[in-house]
Amino acid sequence: MKRILVVDDELNMRLVLKAMLKKENYEVATASDGLEALNILKNNDVAVVVTDLKMPKLDGMGLLDKVAKKYPSTPVIIITAHGTIDTAVDALKKGAFDYITKPFEQDDLKNIINKAFKTSTFNEDEVILSPDETDRYEIIGRNSNIIKIFDTIKKVAPTTTTVLITGETGTGKELIANAIHRNSPRKNSPFIKINCSAISQNLIESELFGYEKGAFTGAISRKPGRFELAHKGTLFLDEVGDIPKEMQVKLLRVIQDQEFERVGGLQTIKVDVRLITATNRNLLQDVKEGRFRDDLYYRLNVLPIHVPALRERKEDINALTDYFVEKFNTKLNRNIKHIDSKVRKLFLHFNWPGNIRELENLIERLVLMTKGDNITIEDIPAELKSQGEAASISQLGDQNKSFKDIIKSKTEEIEKKMIIQVLEECDWNVTKAATQLGLSRKGLQLKMIKYNLRK
């Protein structure tokens, strides 16, 4: 896409700019004011906006505000004959890509537009998901691997493809399964879940497939199984690696044929079920060691999703902490307003063996037990403090790194945290964050790629 939108209330200026840009092989659309420009943006893909400052109805600054909010990846160049230093600074603070005053040299404007166009193309390839899009999945995170999971959910949800979600206990595998269901055509049908490790081996068959009256002692009436209950919907088998091997054959048949018989029954029951499974085990290793059938593994592993451990996505810890504080403030009728910086630093150094679930449980405990409205380092359990401090010392004393490498690593860690903090303060508006950090927009974009802050 090489379309540029030129916005100016002077017809001659629109004609001159249109002719100049067409010679450069750009496709050009024009508008006489900001309102007309917004209609064009609404109905057309535009790579760059070039706008006059003083216009009737909606002026250049008003248009800039609208574009920054609705089309944040579209660069806006302000052209004006009324240029002052204050106006230029104000335009840049509000998100303008650049600013040029009349009269100007055509080559200067061409160079600015060329840079803006490259930035626009860059943004299309390296777009950051908006908070609205991430909130839709109720999953908190801007880690690059989490962003990839959002992408996968978006692609796989409309299909009936079988999904295998792997990851340690407490990483949020069920959240992802739920997100796939809620964004699928089956969202108004049942989402049935079962934890296979929580059911004894002699009951797993009747739980999955149901049983007929009299099938065994205590079966005083017919009972449908989870597959039957999930008809037209989604069945989520958590910890599928714990299913006994003799049951794996029957599960394979249901996946292949979408039919089964209840325990003690002769009638074949057909179902339409979308299957999502999850495990904290290495199923491929279990296959090699004979604990899990290889044919079932390949049936389940059509589309794998791996959820990283919390220690592998530490840039998300602050956001998750704030989310849980808000959640438990509401649930427990508390009013925690602040978390001490030492506490946040400790959370970043801690390894979180229980992952997000452990963090959630700790925050609930802190919100409930903290006396005031501020969580301080004194409120943290002693065992967590000692482990966090030990991890911090261990990181600083890495014998495999030179002193120079350790300093470089810590400097980059501080830089990354500062960039995340400023981006969050600016609602992830790259231009505003770059201005606040004293960087060029391009410079900040490159650092965001370096630290995996972009898709």
Foldseek 3Di string as FASTA:
>chain_A
DQEEEEEALDPVVLVVVCVLVVVVVGHYHYYDALVRVVVCVVPDDHQEYEYEADHPPAGPQRSLLVCCVPPLQYAYEYEYQPDDPVVQVVSLLSFHQHYDYPPDDPVVVVVSVVVSNVSSVVCVVWPFDAPVLVVLLVDFALFLLVVVLSVVLVVPLQDLAFEEEEEAAQLCPVSSVLSSQCPYPLNVADEAEDEQVVDDQVCSQCQAAWAADPLDPPRNHTDGHRQVRQFSGEYEYEQVLPHFAVCLVVVLCCLVQQWDAHRVGDDIDHGDYRYYYYHHDPVVVCCVVVRYPPVSVCSNVPDYRYRYFCLVRLLRLVVLLVVLLVVLCVVVVAAQDEEDPVVSLLSNQARPSNGSVVSNVQSNVLRVPPDDNYHYPVSHDPVSNVRSVVSVVCLLPPPVDDNVVSVVVVVLVVVVSLLSVLCVVVSNSLSNSCVVVVHNSVVSVVSCVVSNSTD
